[in-house]
Amino acid sequence: MPLILNGLEPLPWWLAGAGIAVVTLALLGVTGHRLGVSTGFENVCALVVRAPYFGREALRGSNGWRLPLLGGLVLGGFLSAVLGGGWEPTWALGMFDAEIGWGPAGKAAWMFVGGVLIGFGTRLAGGCTSGHGIFGLSNLELPSLAATVSFMTAGAVTTNLIYRVLL
């Protein structure tokens, strides 16, 4: 199945999986840190929000590697899009626009509420899908298995509710 962006063919699953394994092992080997993105977003928030939650030592001490990791993810995605044939920002949300059509303000509200729910779930689970699903499962951690099963189940249920019931 071609990718949505520019109709390109995706990488084979095994090659993408091997790439994730290399990045995960390199991060662990070079820095001694676990792969995970959610705390990186806390690091970004800590740059602009002066709440005590963002001032804790565990968070401040991880800026040196998490911020470059996040920057690399954003830069890598941008370069991939540009080198893959072009990038054009859009507000088009396909089926959402056709069925609901709330306009730009409604889309922003939808995305904001979704982001808040994802952030809540990430903090409730003690990490994000990349931290639990990639690193935690590879270390055979039972809490990561429970979190990953919960993430996947919630995603399947939500998708079915939205596309089969609401739309």
Protein backbone atom coordinates (compact mmCIF):
# COMPACT_ATOMS: atom_id res chain seq x y z
CA MET A 1 0.00 0.00 0.00
CA PRO A 2 1.52 3.37 -0.95
CA LEU A 3 2.10 6.03 1.68
CA ILE A 4 -0.37 8.89 1.92
CA LEU A 5 2.37 11.43 1.26
CA ASN A 6 3.34 11.44 -2.42
CA GLY A 7 2.18 7.85 -3.03
CA LEU A 8 5.63 6.41 -2.24
CA GLU A 9 6.10 2.79 -1.24
CA PRO A 10 6.91 2.35 2.47
CA LEU A 11 10.05 0.67 3.73
CA PRO A 12 9.69 -3.07 4.34
CA TRP A 13 8.53 -3.75 7.91
CA TRP A 14 11.68 -5.72 8.73
CA LEU A 15 13.96 -2.88 7.61
CA ALA A 16 12.04 -0.29 9.63
CA GLY A 17 12.08 -2.62 12.65
CA ALA A 18 15.82 -3.14 12.32
CA GLY A 19 16.29 0.63 12.15
CA ILE A 20 14.30 1.12 15.34
CA ALA A 21 16.37 -1.60 17.02
CA VAL A 22 19.63 0.07 15.97
CA VAL A 23 18.50 3.48 17.28
CA THR A 24 17.26 1.96 20.55
CA LEU A 25 20.44 -0.03 21.16
CA ALA A 26 22.67 2.90 20.15
CA LEU A 27 20.87 5.21 22.57
CA LEU A 28 21.23 2.67 25.36
CA GLY A 29 24.85 1.88 24.53
CA VAL A 30 26.07 5.43 24.01
CA THR A 31 24.07 7.32 26.65
CA GLY A 32 22.75 4.61 28.97
CA HIS A 33 19.22 6.00 28.52
CA ARG A 34 15.98 4.31 27.52
CA LEU A 35 14.15 5.31 24.36
CA GLY A 36 10.96 7.25 25.07
CA VAL A 37 9.48 10.44 23.71
CA SER A 38 6.90 11.57 26.26
CA THR A 39 9.41 12.90 28.80
CA GLY A 40 11.02 14.83 25.97
CA PHE A 41 7.82 16.80 25.58
CA GLU A 42 7.98 17.54 29.30
CA ASN A 43 11.49 18.86 28.67
CA VAL A 44 10.13 21.18 25.98
CA CYS A 45 7.34 22.38 28.30
CA ALA A 46 9.93 22.97 31.05
CA LEU A 47 11.67 25.46 28.75
CA VAL A 48 8.63 27.75 28.81
CA VAL A 49 6.53 26.82 31.88
CA ARG A 50 7.93 27.56 35.33
CA ALA A 51 5.65 25.22 37.32
CA PRO A 52 7.26 23.10 40.08
CA TYR A 53 6.35 19.91 38.20
CA PHE A 54 8.67 20.89 35.37
CA GLY A 55 11.48 21.92 37.74
CA ARG A 56 12.14 18.49 39.26
CA GLU A 57 15.69 17.15 38.98
CA ALA A 58 14.75 14.00 37.04
CA LEU A 59 13.40 16.20 34.27
CA ARG A 60 16.06 18.92 34.31
CA GLY A 61 18.85 16.33 34.20
CA SER A 62 17.62 14.79 30.95
CA ASN A 63 17.61 17.90 28.74
CA GLY A 64 21.05 17.14 27.35
CA TRP A 65 19.92 14.15 25.33
CA ARG A 66 16.12 14.30 25.07
CA LEU A 67 15.89 17.68 23.39
CA PRO A 68 18.33 16.67 20.63
CA LEU A 69 16.39 13.41 20.23
CA LEU A 70 13.12 15.32 19.74
CA GLY A 71 14.81 17.78 17.39
CA GLY A 72 16.15 14.86 15.38
CA LEU A 73 12.68 13.30 15.14
CA VAL A 74 11.18 16.54 13.82
CA LEU A 75 14.09 17.19 11.45
CA GLY A 76 14.09 13.59 10.23
CA GLY A 77 10.37 13.70 9.47
CA PHE A 78 10.74 17.00 7.65
CA LEU A 79 13.71 15.80 5.59
CA SER A 80 11.92 12.57 4.76
CA ALA A 81 8.93 14.50 3.44
CA VAL A 82 11.02 16.98 1.46
CA LEU A 83 13.33 14.33 -0.02
CA GLY A 84 10.34 12.10 -0.75
CA GLY A 85 8.90 14.58 -3.21
CA GLY A 86 7.72 17.60 -1.31
CA TRP A 87 5.95 18.81 1.76
CA GLU A 88 2.93 21.01 2.00
CA PRO A 89 1.21 21.78 5.31
CA THR A 90 -2.53 21.23 5.20
CA TRP A 91 -5.61 21.44 7.39
CA ALA A 92 -7.38 18.82 5.28
CA LEU A 93 -8.59 15.96 7.50
CA GLY A 94 -10.38 13.88 4.89
CA MET A 95 -13.30 12.00 6.42
CA PHE A 96 -13.42 14.36 9.43
CA ASP A 97 -14.02 17.30 7.09
CA ALA A 98 -16.58 15.42 5.01
CA GLU A 99 -18.60 14.09 7.94
CA ILE A 100 -18.18 16.69 10.68
CA GLY A 101 -16.81 19.81 8.99
CA TRP A 102 -16.16 21.98 12.06
CA GLY A 103 -13.76 24.29 10.25
CA PRO A 104 -10.27 25.30 11.45
CA ALA A 105 -11.34 26.20 15.01
CA GLY A 106 -13.16 22.89 15.43
CA LYS A 107 -10.18 20.96 14.10
CA ALA A 108 -7.85 22.79 16.50
CA ALA A 109 -10.19 22.01 19.41
CA TRP A 110 -10.42 18.35 18.35
CA MET A 111 -6.63 18.09 18.18
CA PHE A 112 -6.18 19.91 21.50
CA VAL A 113 -8.57 17.59 23.34
CA GLY A 114 -6.91 14.57 21.71
CA GLY A 115 -3.49 15.83 22.80
CA VAL A 116 -4.68 16.34 26.38
CA LEU A 117 -6.10 12.80 26.46
CA ILE A 118 -2.89 11.35 25.04
CA GLY A 119 -0.83 13.29 27.58
CA PHE A 120 -3.05 12.08 30.44
CA GLY A 121 -2.81 8.48 29.29
CA THR A 122 0.94 8.74 28.87
CA ARG A 123 1.41 10.03 32.42
CA LEU A 124 -1.08 7.47 33.78
CA ALA A 125 0.88 4.64 32.10
CA GLY A 126 4.24 6.04 33.18
CA GLY A 127 5.45 6.45 29.61
CA CYS A 128 4.48 6.55 25.97
CA THR A 129 3.99 3.93 23.29
CA SER A 130 7.60 4.18 22.13
CA GLY A 131 8.98 3.78 25.64
CA HIS A 132 6.71 0.90 26.62
CA GLY A 133 6.10 -0.72 23.24
CA ILE A 134 9.65 -0.65 21.94
CA PHE A 135 12.00 -0.50 24.88
CA GLY A 136 9.91 -1.98 27.68
CA LEU A 137 8.70 -4.97 25.68
CA SER A 138 12.20 -5.72 24.43
CA ASN A 139 13.26 -5.92 28.10
CA LEU A 140 10.30 -8.21 28.90
CA GLU A 141 8.87 -5.72 31.41
CA LEU A 142 5.37 -6.73 32.54
CA PRO A 143 4.17 -3.12 33.14
CA SER A 144 5.18 -2.30 29.56
CA LEU A 145 3.18 -5.26 28.26
CA ALA A 146 0.13 -4.07 30.21
CA ALA A 147 0.59 -0.49 28.98
CA THR A 148 1.10 -1.54 25.34
CA VAL A 149 -1.97 -3.81 25.39
CA SER A 150 -3.95 -0.92 26.90
CA PHE A 151 -2.69 1.56 24.28
CA MET A 152 -3.51 -0.78 21.41
CA THR A 153 -6.93 -1.73 22.80
CA ALA A 154 -7.89 1.89 23.43
CA GLY A 155 -6.78 2.81 19.91
CA ALA A 156 -8.81 0.01 18.32
CA VAL A 157 -11.92 0.80 20.37
CA THR A 158 -11.66 4.55 19.72
CA THR A 159 -11.11 4.06 15.99
CA ASN A 160 -14.12 1.76 15.74
CA LEU A 161 -16.30 4.16 17.76
CA ILE A 162 -15.36 7.12 15.59
CA TYR A 163 -15.55 5.42 12.20
CA ARG A 164 -18.43 2.98 12.79
CA VAL A 165 -20.63 4.81 15.27
CA LEU A 166 -20.00 8.55 14.93
CA LEU A 167 -19.25 8.66 11.22
